[in-house]
């Protein structure tokens, strides 16, 4: 074989291989496009049925959702409508699901050896937020797969029942997930009563996390229990409680926060100053002025910012502090006054 013939054969072989790979890529794209097209059509059909709140029709689509792709589309359709449906319409979805044959199949899938199958089953079971799903998916909080545990956590929050809150609090205690993942789901009004009951039972290892959840929920009922946590031995408990008191709001929080400005722990003092500023607590003016000379930088910084947030009385206090004997207090005052001037200039513009 000549060199030319060899080159031609090599080029021809390479071209054939390239064409084969191109054909394979095109075939995969076509299959993917067909799947996406079917998914779009299926979701549109599901959303129309779900929005109509016809329990019989809803039962039919649940019963027919045997394939994994259909189950994913059904769950996505429920989520797409979640914020637009009334409680009665959403209840119809739950009744339609419970009347179908699908829950029994999904319950079996929860015990699958495949993590993706367990996760998909838990995801769809929890979408309508029915209380019956709570006991079914709660064991998955201890699943070996972290993604399955996260799906179970989200599903329990979707149910939004006291029992679901109990499971999530247990999950905090056992460390099944990073605390923030559970705290952000417990931080809602539906969980407040259960959290308060847990705190009332006595100090636990998760009190700091529960205090943070109460802050996210912003429920005034939490003011008293959070103030009580300021007397806890744990520094972490006190810091979390002080931070959350600023989020809960209301005059009832202010005395405890002013008292916290005298804490021996600088982080508690710093957080108390920040929370008083958020609350706009005018009665904290003088204690915050004193904190401008605190030995901890963060306390001084937060106190200066809080004074600015108090409005005119706080601005006057900062102007007085510019002449303070403590140069650190004067520095923080000048910093906040400069920031206030920038804010006023932008507002005027």
Foldseek 3Di string as FASTA:
>chain_A
DDPVVVVVVVVVVVVVVVVVVVVVVVVVVVVVVVLVVVLVVLLVVLLVQLQVLPLVSLLVLLQPQPDLSSLVSNLVSLVVCVVPDDPSSLVSNVSSNVPHPNLVVLLVQCPDPDLVSVLSSLSSLLSSLDPVSLVSLLVQCQPPDLSSVLSSLVSLLSVLAQVSLVSLVVSCQVVSDPLVSSLVSCLAPSNVVSLVVVVVVDDDPCLLSSLLSPLSHLALVCQVSLLVQCPPPDPSSLLSSLLSLLSNEDPSNLVSLLVQCPDPDVSSVLSSLQSLLSNLPPVSQVSLLVQCPPPDLSNNLSSLNSLVSNPPRSLVSLVVQCPPPDVSSNVSSVVSNVVVVVVVVVVVD
